[in-house]
């Protein structure tokens, strides 16, 4: 399978690269600075150093791919457009090239719903998490709207608080619903879930929550 990963130098992006290679996929990593990729990965990937925000520049990296995976994110606490502008650019490049499948990392804290326990639904998410990450979540919500309004075959994967604890053998998923008690998700589990969903046509047009 041919896949392209954006946000490839972040924690989840690196897991996507490693696990994609373990599955013998043909993996392209789109980065701003190739020097941030671990040396043990660089020689095994097709690495493209370019401007993510330029659809013309990234179009060759998505052309002919079976799937495009976005692990874009921002560490800034202030206003940001990294995810929405990045997804907008990726979608534009995909329209130019006819590429259809796009999976994006979201965040479980973005929405509180019936899948959550009462404390998480009415206190933790709205009063703590969503206020703390209000700027990045506003950007993420814009990115999700762009996906929903597009004609791409999209899937949004929403992990809980991300950790580096490694792969587990029993992570849980839910479709269009939060996971009760799902307080954390390893980056490795998030990547595994995304790679598993590439070929799952039933996940197209849905949000998949994942918790370790």
N, C-alpha and C. Protein backbone atom coordinates (compact mmCIF):
# COMPACT_ATOMS: atom_id res chain seq x y z
N UNK A 1 0.84 -1.19 0.00
CA UNK A 1 0.00 0.00 0.00
C UNK A 1 0.88 1.25 0.00
N UNK A 2 0.45 2.26 -0.73
CA UNK A 2 1.19 3.51 -0.79
C UNK A 2 0.50 4.55 0.09
N UNK A 3 1.24 5.08 1.08
CA UNK A 3 0.65 6.07 1.99
C UNK A 3 1.57 7.28 2.11
N UNK A 4 0.96 8.43 2.37
CA UNK A 4 1.71 9.66 2.62
C UNK A 4 1.32 10.18 4.00
N UNK A 5 2.32 10.56 4.78
CA UNK A 5 2.09 11.02 6.15
C UNK A 5 2.50 12.48 6.28
N UNK A 6 1.57 13.31 6.76
CA UNK A 6 1.85 14.70 7.11
C UNK A 6 1.92 14.80 8.63
N UNK A 7 2.73 15.74 9.14
CA UNK A 7 2.98 15.78 10.58
C UNK A 7 3.87 14.63 10.98
N UNK A 8 4.77 14.24 10.06
CA UNK A 8 5.53 13.00 10.22
C UNK A 8 6.59 13.05 11.30
N UNK A 9 7.01 14.25 11.72
CA UNK A 9 8.07 14.32 12.73
C UNK A 9 7.52 14.41 14.16
N UNK A 10 6.20 14.47 14.32
CA UNK A 10 5.61 14.45 15.65
C UNK A 10 5.54 13.03 16.19
N UNK A 11 5.11 12.90 17.44
CA UNK A 11 5.08 11.59 18.08
C UNK A 11 4.20 10.58 17.36
N UNK A 12 2.98 10.98 17.01
CA UNK A 12 2.08 10.08 16.30
C UNK A 12 2.54 9.87 14.87
N UNK A 13 3.05 10.93 14.24
CA UNK A 13 3.55 10.80 12.89
C UNK A 13 4.68 9.80 12.78
N UNK A 14 5.60 9.83 13.73
CA UNK A 14 6.71 8.87 13.73
C UNK A 14 6.21 7.44 13.90
N UNK A 15 5.18 7.27 14.72
CA UNK A 15 4.60 5.93 14.88
C UNK A 15 3.96 5.47 13.58
N UNK A 16 3.31 6.38 12.86
CA UNK A 16 2.73 6.02 11.57
C UNK A 16 3.82 5.58 10.60
N UNK A 17 4.94 6.29 10.59
CA UNK A 17 6.04 5.91 9.71
C UNK A 17 6.57 4.53 10.06
N UNK A 18 6.88 4.33 11.34
CA UNK A 18 7.46 3.05 11.77
C UNK A 18 6.52 1.88 11.50
N UNK A 19 5.27 2.04 11.90
CA UNK A 19 4.34 0.93 11.73
C UNK A 19 3.97 0.72 10.27
N UNK A 20 3.95 1.81 9.49
CA UNK A 20 3.71 1.66 8.07
C UNK A 20 4.81 0.86 7.41
N UNK A 21 6.04 1.13 7.79
CA UNK A 21 7.17 0.37 7.24
C UNK A 21 7.12 -1.08 7.71
N UNK A 22 6.73 -1.32 8.95
CA UNK A 22 6.61 -2.70 9.45
C UNK A 22 5.60 -3.49 8.64
N UNK A 23 4.61 -2.81 8.10
CA UNK A 23 3.59 -3.47 7.28
C UNK A 23 4.02 -3.56 5.81
N UNK A 24 5.25 -3.13 5.54
CA UNK A 24 5.79 -3.16 4.17
C UNK A 24 5.07 -2.21 3.24
N UNK A 25 4.51 -1.13 3.80
CA UNK A 25 3.90 -0.10 2.95
C UNK A 25 4.99 0.75 2.30
N UNK A 26 4.64 1.35 1.19
CA UNK A 26 5.48 2.35 0.54
C UNK A 26 5.12 3.70 1.19
N UNK A 27 6.02 4.23 2.02
CA UNK A 27 5.69 5.38 2.88
C UNK A 27 6.42 6.64 2.43
N UNK A 28 5.66 7.72 2.25
CA UNK A 28 6.22 9.04 1.97
C UNK A 28 5.99 9.92 3.18
N UNK A 29 7.03 10.57 3.66
CA UNK A 29 6.93 11.51 4.79
C UNK A 29 7.11 12.92 4.25
N UNK A 30 6.12 13.77 4.47
CA UNK A 30 6.20 15.17 4.05
C UNK A 30 6.56 16.01 5.27
N UNK A 31 7.69 16.70 5.21
CA UNK A 31 8.21 17.42 6.37
C UNK A 31 8.75 18.79 5.97
N UNK A 32 8.86 19.65 6.97
CA UNK A 32 9.53 20.94 6.75
C UNK A 32 11.03 20.81 6.93
N UNK A 33 11.45 19.93 7.83
CA UNK A 33 12.87 19.76 8.13
C UNK A 33 13.18 18.27 8.22
N UNK A 34 13.79 17.73 7.17
CA UNK A 34 14.10 16.30 7.14
C UNK A 34 15.07 15.91 8.23
N UNK A 35 15.84 16.85 8.74
CA UNK A 35 16.80 16.56 9.79
C UNK A 35 16.15 16.14 11.09
N UNK A 36 14.85 16.40 11.24
CA UNK A 36 14.15 16.01 12.47
C UNK A 36 13.70 14.55 12.43
N UNK A 37 13.86 13.90 11.29
CA UNK A 37 13.51 12.49 11.22
C UNK A 37 14.66 11.64 11.76
N UNK A 38 14.36 10.61 12.55
CA UNK A 38 15.43 9.74 13.04
C UNK A 38 16.21 9.11 11.89
N UNK A 39 17.50 8.97 12.09
CA UNK A 39 18.37 8.44 11.04
C UNK A 39 17.95 7.04 10.60
N UNK A 40 17.44 6.23 11.54
CA UNK A 40 17.08 4.87 11.18
C UNK A 40 15.85 4.79 10.29
N UNK A 41 15.11 5.91 10.15
CA UNK A 41 13.94 5.94 9.29
C UNK A 41 14.22 6.59 7.94
N UNK A 42 15.09 7.59 7.93
CA UNK A 42 15.27 8.40 6.72
C UNK A 42 15.59 7.58 5.49
N UNK A 43 16.44 6.59 5.61
CA UNK A 43 16.86 5.81 4.45
C UNK A 43 15.82 4.82 3.98
N UNK A 44 14.77 4.63 4.76
CA UNK A 44 13.75 3.64 4.41
C UNK A 44 12.47 4.29 3.87
N UNK A 45 12.47 5.62 3.85
CA UNK A 45 11.29 6.38 3.45
C UNK A 45 11.57 7.19 2.19
N UNK A 46 10.48 7.61 1.56
CA UNK A 46 10.57 8.67 0.56
C UNK A 46 10.29 9.96 1.32
N UNK A 47 11.32 10.74 1.57
CA UNK A 47 11.19 11.96 2.37
C UNK A 47 11.11 13.17 1.44
N UNK A 48 10.06 13.98 1.62
CA UNK A 48 9.88 15.18 0.81
C UNK A 48 9.86 16.38 1.74
N UNK A 49 10.81 17.26 1.55
CA UNK A 49 10.91 18.48 2.35
C UNK A 49 10.30 19.62 1.54
N UNK A 50 9.15 20.10 2.00
CA UNK A 50 8.44 21.11 1.22
C UNK A 50 7.48 21.90 2.11
N UNK A 51 6.81 22.87 1.52
CA UNK A 51 5.89 23.73 2.24
C UNK A 51 4.50 23.12 2.23
N UNK A 52 4.06 22.64 3.38
CA UNK A 52 2.75 22.01 3.50
C UNK A 52 1.62 22.92 3.04
N UNK A 53 1.77 24.21 3.24
CA UNK A 53 0.68 25.13 2.96
C UNK A 53 0.56 25.48 1.47
N UNK A 54 1.36 24.87 0.63
CA UNK A 54 1.32 25.11 -0.81
C UNK A 54 0.78 23.87 -1.51
N UNK A 55 -0.51 23.86 -1.90
CA UNK A 55 -1.09 22.67 -2.52
C UNK A 55 -0.34 22.21 -3.77
N UNK A 56 0.17 23.14 -4.54
CA UNK A 56 0.92 22.76 -5.74
C UNK A 56 2.19 22.00 -5.37
N UNK A 57 2.81 22.40 -4.27
CA UNK A 57 4.07 21.77 -3.86
C UNK A 57 3.84 20.37 -3.32
N UNK A 58 2.72 20.15 -2.65
CA UNK A 58 2.49 18.84 -2.05
C UNK A 58 1.70 17.89 -2.94
N UNK A 59 1.15 18.41 -4.05
CA UNK A 59 0.35 17.55 -4.93
C UNK A 59 1.11 16.30 -5.37
N UNK A 60 2.40 16.39 -5.75
CA UNK A 60 3.10 15.16 -6.15
C UNK A 60 3.22 14.14 -5.03
N UNK A 61 3.15 14.58 -3.78
CA UNK A 61 3.32 13.65 -2.66
C UNK A 61 2.05 12.86 -2.37
N UNK A 62 0.89 13.32 -2.87
CA UNK A 62 -0.36 12.60 -2.64
C UNK A 62 -0.87 11.90 -3.91
N UNK A 63 -0.29 12.23 -5.03
CA UNK A 63 -0.74 11.64 -6.29
C UNK A 63 -0.49 10.13 -6.30
N UNK A 64 -1.53 9.38 -6.65
CA UNK A 64 -1.40 7.94 -6.76
C UNK A 64 -1.29 7.20 -5.44
N UNK A 65 -1.57 7.86 -4.33
CA UNK A 65 -1.46 7.20 -3.03
C UNK A 65 -2.77 6.52 -2.66
N UNK A 66 -2.66 5.41 -1.95
CA UNK A 66 -3.85 4.72 -1.47
C UNK A 66 -4.49 5.46 -0.31
N UNK A 67 -3.69 6.17 0.45
CA UNK A 67 -4.23 6.93 1.58
C UNK A 67 -3.26 8.03 1.98
N UNK A 68 -3.84 9.11 2.48
CA UNK A 68 -3.09 10.22 3.06
C UNK A 68 -3.46 10.28 4.53
N UNK A 69 -2.44 10.38 5.40
CA UNK A 69 -2.68 10.41 6.84
C UNK A 69 -2.12 11.70 7.41
N UNK A 70 -2.95 12.42 8.15
CA UNK A 70 -2.52 13.67 8.77
C UNK A 70 -2.42 13.51 10.28
N UNK A 71 -1.21 13.74 10.79
CA UNK A 71 -0.98 13.78 12.23
C UNK A 71 -0.55 15.18 12.63
N UNK A 72 -1.06 16.17 11.89
CA UNK A 72 -0.71 17.56 12.17
C UNK A 72 -1.20 17.98 13.55
N UNK A 73 -0.46 18.86 14.17
CA UNK A 73 -0.86 19.40 15.46
C UNK A 73 -0.03 20.62 15.79
N UNK A 74 -0.43 21.32 16.82
CA UNK A 74 0.29 22.52 17.25
C UNK A 74 0.55 22.45 18.74
N UNK A 75 1.75 22.85 19.14
CA UNK A 75 2.09 22.91 20.56
C UNK A 75 1.83 24.30 21.14
N UNK A 76 1.37 25.21 20.30
CA UNK A 76 1.11 26.57 20.76
C UNK A 76 -0.16 26.63 21.60
N UNK A 77 -0.16 27.45 22.63
CA UNK A 77 -1.36 27.63 23.45
C UNK A 77 -2.21 28.79 22.94
N UNK A 78 -1.63 29.64 22.08
CA UNK A 78 -2.37 30.77 21.53
C UNK A 78 -3.10 30.40 20.26
N UNK A 79 -3.76 31.39 19.62
CA UNK A 79 -4.47 31.13 18.37
C UNK A 79 -3.56 30.49 17.33
N UNK A 80 -4.09 29.54 16.58
CA UNK A 80 -3.31 28.81 15.59
C UNK A 80 -4.20 28.41 14.43
N UNK A 81 -3.59 28.20 13.26
CA UNK A 81 -4.32 27.72 12.09
C UNK A 81 -3.61 26.51 11.47
N UNK A 82 -2.69 25.91 12.22
CA UNK A 82 -1.87 24.83 11.67
C UNK A 82 -2.71 23.70 11.10
N UNK A 83 -3.69 23.24 11.86
CA UNK A 83 -4.46 22.08 11.41
C UNK A 83 -5.46 22.43 10.32
N UNK A 84 -6.19 23.53 10.49
CA UNK A 84 -7.18 23.88 9.47
C UNK A 84 -6.53 24.28 8.16
N UNK A 85 -5.48 25.09 8.22
CA UNK A 85 -4.79 25.48 6.99
C UNK A 85 -4.10 24.28 6.35
N UNK A 86 -3.53 23.41 7.18
CA UNK A 86 -2.87 22.23 6.65
C UNK A 86 -3.85 21.29 5.97
N UNK A 87 -4.98 21.02 6.61
CA UNK A 87 -5.99 20.14 6.01
C UNK A 87 -6.56 20.78 4.75
N UNK A 88 -6.75 22.09 4.76
CA UNK A 88 -7.24 22.76 3.56
C UNK A 88 -6.29 22.59 2.40
N UNK A 89 -5.00 22.71 2.67
CA UNK A 89 -3.99 22.54 1.63
C UNK A 89 -3.95 21.09 1.13
N UNK A 90 -4.01 20.14 2.05
CA UNK A 90 -3.99 18.72 1.68
C UNK A 90 -5.21 18.39 0.82
N UNK A 91 -6.38 18.85 1.21
CA UNK A 91 -7.59 18.59 0.44
C UNK A 91 -7.48 19.18 -0.97
N UNK A 92 -6.93 20.39 -1.07
CA UNK A 92 -6.76 21.00 -2.38
C UNK A 92 -5.83 20.16 -3.26
N UNK A 93 -4.74 19.68 -2.68
CA UNK A 93 -3.81 18.84 -3.43
C UNK A 93 -4.46 17.52 -3.85
N UNK A 94 -5.28 16.96 -2.97
CA UNK A 94 -5.95 15.71 -3.29
C UNK A 94 -6.97 15.90 -4.40
N UNK A 95 -7.67 17.02 -4.41
CA UNK A 95 -8.62 17.29 -5.49
C UNK A 95 -7.89 17.40 -6.83
N UNK A 96 -6.73 18.03 -6.81
CA UNK A 96 -5.95 18.18 -8.04
C UNK A 96 -5.53 16.84 -8.62
N UNK A 97 -5.24 15.89 -7.75
CA UNK A 97 -4.65 14.63 -8.19
C UNK A 97 -5.62 13.46 -8.20
N UNK A 98 -6.83 13.67 -7.70
CA UNK A 98 -7.82 12.60 -7.69
C UNK A 98 -7.67 11.60 -6.57
N UNK A 99 -6.83 11.90 -5.59
CA UNK A 99 -6.65 11.01 -4.43
C UNK A 99 -7.84 11.15 -3.50
N UNK A 100 -8.34 10.05 -2.96
CA UNK A 100 -9.61 10.07 -2.24
C UNK A 100 -9.50 9.88 -0.72
N UNK A 101 -8.65 8.97 -0.27
CA UNK A 101 -8.70 8.51 1.14
C UNK A 101 -7.85 9.40 2.02
N UNK A 102 -8.47 9.96 3.07
CA UNK A 102 -7.77 10.84 4.01
C UNK A 102 -8.20 10.52 5.43
N UNK A 103 -7.21 10.25 6.29
CA UNK A 103 -7.46 10.02 7.71
C UNK A 103 -6.73 11.08 8.52
N UNK A 104 -7.40 11.63 9.52
CA UNK A 104 -6.84 12.73 10.29
C UNK A 104 -6.93 12.44 11.79
N UNK A 105 -5.88 12.78 12.51
CA UNK A 105 -5.90 12.68 13.97
C UNK A 105 -6.65 13.87 14.55
N UNK A 106 -7.65 13.59 15.35
CA UNK A 106 -8.38 14.63 16.06
C UNK A 106 -8.07 14.59 17.54
N UNK A 107 -9.07 14.85 18.38
CA UNK A 107 -8.87 14.83 19.84
C UNK A 107 -10.18 14.49 20.52
N UNK A 108 -10.14 13.55 21.44
CA UNK A 108 -11.35 13.12 22.14
C UNK A 108 -11.98 14.24 22.94
N UNK A 109 -11.17 15.19 23.39
CA UNK A 109 -11.69 16.27 24.22
C UNK A 109 -12.51 17.29 23.46
N UNK A 110 -12.52 17.20 22.15
CA UNK A 110 -13.20 18.21 21.34
C UNK A 110 -14.70 18.20 21.57
N UNK A 111 -15.27 17.03 21.82
CA UNK A 111 -16.71 16.92 22.02
C UNK A 111 -17.03 16.06 23.24
N UNK A 112 -18.07 16.45 23.94
CA UNK A 112 -18.60 15.64 25.04
C UNK A 112 -19.93 15.08 24.58
N UNK A 113 -20.13 13.77 24.78
CA UNK A 113 -21.37 13.16 24.30
C UNK A 113 -21.81 12.03 25.22
N UNK A 114 -22.81 11.29 24.77
CA UNK A 114 -23.42 10.26 25.61
C UNK A 114 -22.47 9.10 25.91
N UNK A 115 -21.38 8.99 25.16
CA UNK A 115 -20.41 7.94 25.46
C UNK A 115 -19.59 8.21 26.70
N UNK A 116 -19.51 9.47 27.10
CA UNK A 116 -18.74 9.85 28.29
C UNK A 116 -19.52 9.57 29.57
N UNK A 117 -18.79 9.38 30.66
CA UNK A 117 -19.43 9.34 31.96
C UNK A 117 -19.88 10.74 32.35
N UNK A 118 -20.78 10.88 33.32
CA UNK A 118 -21.32 12.19 33.69
C UNK A 118 -20.26 13.22 34.05
N UNK A 119 -19.25 12.84 34.83
CA UNK A 119 -18.22 13.80 35.22
C UNK A 119 -17.45 14.30 34.00
N UNK A 120 -17.05 13.38 33.12
CA UNK A 120 -16.31 13.77 31.93
C UNK A 120 -17.17 14.62 31.00
N UNK A 121 -18.43 14.23 30.83
CA UNK A 121 -19.32 14.92 29.88
C UNK A 121 -19.68 16.33 30.33
N UNK A 122 -19.94 16.50 31.62
CA UNK A 122 -20.46 17.78 32.08
C UNK A 122 -19.45 18.65 32.82
N UNK A 123 -18.33 18.07 33.22
CA UNK A 123 -17.34 18.85 33.98
C UNK A 123 -15.97 18.83 33.29
N UNK A 124 -15.36 17.66 33.19
CA UNK A 124 -13.98 17.58 32.73
C UNK A 124 -13.78 18.15 31.33
N UNK A 125 -14.58 17.71 30.38
CA UNK A 125 -14.39 18.21 29.01
C UNK A 125 -14.79 19.68 28.85
N UNK A 126 -16.03 20.05 29.18
CA UNK A 126 -16.42 21.45 28.90
C UNK A 126 -15.77 22.49 29.80
N UNK A 127 -15.52 22.15 31.05
CA UNK A 127 -15.04 23.15 31.99
C UNK A 127 -13.53 23.16 32.18
N UNK A 128 -12.86 22.08 31.80
CA UNK A 128 -11.41 22.01 31.98
C UNK A 128 -10.68 21.87 30.64
N UNK A 129 -10.89 20.73 29.99
CA UNK A 129 -10.11 20.43 28.79
C UNK A 129 -10.39 21.42 27.65
N UNK A 130 -11.65 21.68 27.37
CA UNK A 130 -11.98 22.55 26.25
C UNK A 130 -11.60 24.00 26.50
N UNK A 131 -11.56 24.41 27.76
CA UNK A 131 -11.08 25.76 28.07
C UNK A 131 -9.56 25.84 27.97
N UNK A 132 -8.90 24.81 28.46
CA UNK A 132 -7.44 24.79 28.45
C UNK A 132 -6.90 24.79 27.03
N UNK A 133 -7.54 24.05 26.14
CA UNK A 133 -7.06 23.93 24.76
C UNK A 133 -7.99 24.64 23.77
N UNK A 134 -8.59 25.74 24.21
CA UNK A 134 -9.62 26.37 23.40
C UNK A 134 -9.11 26.82 22.03
N UNK A 135 -7.87 27.30 21.96
CA UNK A 135 -7.36 27.79 20.68
C UNK A 135 -7.07 26.63 19.72
N UNK A 136 -6.36 25.62 20.20
CA UNK A 136 -6.06 24.49 19.32
C UNK A 136 -7.32 23.72 18.96
N UNK A 137 -8.29 23.65 19.88
CA UNK A 137 -9.54 22.96 19.57
C UNK A 137 -10.38 23.75 18.56
N UNK A 138 -10.33 25.07 18.64
CA UNK A 138 -11.04 25.88 17.64
C UNK A 138 -10.47 25.62 16.25
N UNK A 139 -9.14 25.52 16.18
CA UNK A 139 -8.49 25.21 14.91
C UNK A 139 -8.84 23.80 14.45
N UNK A 140 -8.83 22.86 15.37
CA UNK A 140 -9.16 21.47 15.04
C UNK A 140 -10.60 21.36 14.55
N UNK A 141 -11.50 22.09 15.19
CA UNK A 141 -12.91 22.06 14.77
C UNK A 141 -13.05 22.60 13.35
N UNK A 142 -12.29 23.64 13.01
CA UNK A 142 -12.32 24.15 11.64
C UNK A 142 -11.81 23.10 10.65
N UNK A 143 -10.75 22.40 11.04
CA UNK A 143 -10.20 21.35 10.18
C UNK A 143 -11.23 20.24 9.96
N UNK A 144 -11.93 19.86 11.02
CA UNK A 144 -12.94 18.81 10.89
C UNK A 144 -14.08 19.26 9.98
N UNK A 145 -14.47 20.53 10.07
CA UNK A 145 -15.54 21.03 9.20
C UNK A 145 -15.11 20.98 7.74
N UNK A 146 -13.85 21.31 7.48
CA UNK A 146 -13.35 21.24 6.11
C UNK A 146 -13.45 19.81 5.58
N UNK A 147 -13.10 18.85 6.41
CA UNK A 147 -13.21 17.45 6.00
C UNK A 147 -14.66 17.06 5.73
N UNK A 148 -15.54 17.41 6.64
CA UNK A 148 -16.95 17.03 6.50
C UNK A 148 -17.58 17.65 5.26
N UNK A 149 -17.13 18.85 4.90
CA UNK A 149 -17.69 19.54 3.74
C UNK A 149 -17.04 19.13 2.43
N UNK A 150 -16.00 18.30 2.50
CA UNK A 150 -15.28 17.89 1.30
C UNK A 150 -15.91 16.64 0.69
N UNK A 151 -15.44 16.28 -0.50
CA UNK A 151 -15.90 15.04 -1.11
C UNK A 151 -14.88 13.92 -0.94
N UNK A 152 -13.92 14.12 -0.04
CA UNK A 152 -12.90 13.09 0.22
C UNK A 152 -13.52 11.92 0.99
N UNK A 153 -12.88 10.77 0.90
CA UNK A 153 -13.27 9.60 1.71
C UNK A 153 -12.54 9.72 3.05
N UNK A 154 -13.12 10.49 3.96
CA UNK A 154 -12.41 10.87 5.18
C UNK A 154 -12.82 10.02 6.38
N UNK A 155 -11.89 9.92 7.31
CA UNK A 155 -12.14 9.36 8.63
C UNK A 155 -11.36 10.19 9.64
N UNK A 156 -12.00 10.58 10.73
CA UNK A 156 -11.34 11.30 11.81
C UNK A 156 -11.10 10.31 12.95
N UNK A 157 -9.87 10.21 13.41
CA UNK A 157 -9.52 9.33 14.53
C UNK A 157 -9.24 10.19 15.75
N UNK A 158 -10.03 10.01 16.80
CA UNK A 158 -9.92 10.85 17.99
C UNK A 158 -9.35 10.06 19.18
N UNK A 159 -8.07 10.23 19.47
CA UNK A 159 -7.51 9.63 20.68
C UNK A 159 -7.80 10.51 21.89
N UNK A 160 -7.68 9.91 23.08
CA UNK A 160 -7.72 10.69 24.31
C UNK A 160 -6.32 11.28 24.55
N UNK A 161 -6.01 11.66 25.78
CA UNK A 161 -4.70 12.26 26.05
C UNK A 161 -3.60 11.32 25.58
N UNK A 162 -2.74 11.83 24.73
CA UNK A 162 -1.72 10.99 24.11
C UNK A 162 -0.53 10.74 25.03
N UNK A 163 -0.05 9.50 25.02
CA UNK A 163 1.12 9.12 25.80
C UNK A 163 2.09 8.34 24.92
N UNK A 164 3.30 8.15 25.44
CA UNK A 164 4.32 7.39 24.72
C UNK A 164 4.52 6.00 25.32
N UNK A 165 3.48 5.45 25.92
CA UNK A 165 3.61 4.17 26.63
C UNK A 165 3.78 2.97 25.71
N UNK A 166 3.61 3.13 24.40
CA UNK A 166 3.81 2.02 23.48
C UNK A 166 2.52 1.30 23.13
N UNK A 167 2.63 0.33 22.23
CA UNK A 167 1.47 -0.42 21.76
C UNK A 167 0.87 -1.24 22.88
N UNK A 168 -0.44 -1.31 22.90
CA UNK A 168 -1.15 -2.22 23.80
C UNK A 168 -1.88 -3.24 22.94
N UNK A 169 -2.33 -4.29 23.56
CA UNK A 169 -3.01 -5.34 22.81
C UNK A 169 -4.52 -5.24 22.94
N UNK A 170 -5.00 -4.20 23.61
CA UNK A 170 -6.43 -4.18 23.90
C UNK A 170 -7.02 -2.77 23.86
N UNK A 171 -6.57 -1.94 22.91
CA UNK A 171 -7.19 -0.61 22.86
C UNK A 171 -8.64 -0.74 22.36
N UNK A 172 -9.45 0.24 22.77
CA UNK A 172 -10.87 0.21 22.44
C UNK A 172 -11.19 1.28 21.41
N UNK A 173 -12.20 1.03 20.59
CA UNK A 173 -12.66 2.02 19.62
C UNK A 173 -14.18 2.15 19.70
N UNK A 174 -14.67 3.29 19.25
CA UNK A 174 -16.11 3.53 19.16
C UNK A 174 -16.37 4.44 17.98
N UNK A 175 -17.49 4.25 17.32
CA UNK A 175 -17.82 5.04 16.13
C UNK A 175 -18.81 6.14 16.46
N UNK A 176 -18.42 7.38 16.16
CA UNK A 176 -19.27 8.55 16.37
C UNK A 176 -19.73 8.68 17.82
N UNK A 177 -18.87 8.28 18.74
CA UNK A 177 -19.20 8.33 20.16
C UNK A 177 -17.90 8.28 20.96
N UNK A 178 -17.90 8.99 22.09
CA UNK A 178 -16.75 8.92 22.98
C UNK A 178 -16.70 7.57 23.68
N UNK A 179 -15.56 7.27 24.28
CA UNK A 179 -15.37 6.00 24.98
C UNK A 179 -15.38 6.25 26.48
N UNK A 180 -16.30 5.64 27.18
CA UNK A 180 -16.40 5.83 28.63
C UNK A 180 -15.12 5.34 29.31
N UNK A 181 -14.55 6.20 30.14
CA UNK A 181 -13.33 5.86 30.84
C UNK A 181 -12.09 5.92 29.97
N UNK A 182 -12.23 6.40 28.74
CA UNK A 182 -11.08 6.49 27.84
C UNK A 182 -10.29 7.76 28.09
N UNK A 183 -9.44 7.75 29.09
CA UNK A 183 -8.74 8.96 29.50
C UNK A 183 -7.40 9.15 28.80
N UNK A 184 -6.85 8.10 28.22
CA UNK A 184 -5.55 8.24 27.56
C UNK A 184 -5.44 7.23 26.42
N UNK A 185 -4.59 7.58 25.46
CA UNK A 185 -4.34 6.72 24.31
C UNK A 185 -2.86 6.81 23.97
N UNK A 186 -2.22 5.70 23.75
CA UNK A 186 -0.83 5.78 23.35
C UNK A 186 -0.75 6.20 21.88
N UNK A 187 0.33 6.88 21.56
CA UNK A 187 0.53 7.28 20.17
C UNK A 187 0.65 6.05 19.27
N UNK A 188 1.25 5.01 19.80
CA UNK A 188 1.40 3.77 19.02
C UNK A 188 0.03 3.15 18.71
N UNK A 189 -0.88 3.18 19.67
CA UNK A 189 -2.22 2.65 19.43
C UNK A 189 -2.98 3.51 18.43
N UNK A 190 -2.80 4.82 18.53
CA UNK A 190 -3.45 5.73 17.58
C UNK A 190 -3.00 5.43 16.16
N UNK A 191 -1.70 5.27 15.98
CA UNK A 191 -1.16 4.97 14.66
C UNK A 191 -1.66 3.63 14.15
N UNK A 192 -1.66 2.62 15.02
CA UNK A 192 -2.14 1.30 14.63
C UNK A 192 -3.59 1.36 14.18
N UNK A 193 -4.41 2.07 14.94
CA UNK A 193 -5.82 2.22 14.59
C UNK A 193 -5.98 2.89 13.22
N UNK A 194 -5.24 3.96 12.97
CA UNK A 194 -5.33 4.66 11.69
C UNK A 194 -4.95 3.75 10.53
N UNK A 195 -3.88 3.02 10.68
CA UNK A 195 -3.43 2.13 9.61
C UNK A 195 -4.43 1.00 9.36
N UNK A 196 -5.05 0.50 10.42
CA UNK A 196 -6.08 -0.52 10.27
C UNK A 196 -7.30 0.02 9.53
N UNK A 197 -7.61 1.29 9.73
CA UNK A 197 -8.82 1.88 9.16
C UNK A 197 -8.69 2.26 7.69
N UNK A 198 -7.47 2.30 7.18
CA UNK A 198 -7.29 2.71 5.78
C UNK A 198 -8.20 1.92 4.85
N UNK A 199 -8.21 0.62 5.01
CA UNK A 199 -9.00 -0.22 4.12
C UNK A 199 -10.41 -0.50 4.59
N UNK A 200 -10.82 0.11 5.69
CA UNK A 200 -12.16 -0.11 6.24
C UNK A 200 -13.12 0.91 5.64
N UNK A 201 -13.82 0.51 4.60
CA UNK A 201 -14.72 1.45 3.91
C UNK A 201 -15.88 1.87 4.81
N UNK A 202 -16.23 1.06 5.79
CA UNK A 202 -17.35 1.42 6.67
C UNK A 202 -17.01 2.58 7.59
N UNK A 203 -15.71 2.91 7.71
CA UNK A 203 -15.32 4.03 8.58
C UNK A 203 -15.34 5.37 7.85
N UNK A 204 -15.57 5.35 6.54
CA UNK A 204 -15.56 6.59 5.77
C UNK A 204 -16.75 7.47 6.19
N UNK A 205 -16.45 8.74 6.45
CA UNK A 205 -17.49 9.67 6.87
C UNK A 205 -17.83 9.57 8.35
N UNK A 206 -16.95 8.93 9.13
CA UNK A 206 -17.21 8.75 10.55
C UNK A 206 -16.04 9.19 11.42
N UNK A 207 -16.35 9.44 12.68
CA UNK A 207 -15.35 9.72 13.69
C UNK A 207 -15.12 8.44 14.49
N UNK A 208 -13.88 8.02 14.60
CA UNK A 208 -13.54 6.82 15.36
C UNK A 208 -12.75 7.23 16.61
N UNK A 209 -13.34 7.02 17.77
CA UNK A 209 -12.64 7.28 19.03
C UNK A 209 -11.77 6.08 19.36
N UNK A 210 -10.60 6.35 19.96
CA UNK A 210 -9.69 5.26 20.32
C UNK A 210 -9.09 5.55 21.70
N UNK A 211 -9.09 4.56 22.56
CA UNK A 211 -8.54 4.71 23.91
C UNK A 211 -7.78 3.45 24.29
N UNK A 212 -6.63 3.63 24.92
CA UNK A 212 -5.80 2.48 25.34
C UNK A 212 -6.27 1.94 26.69
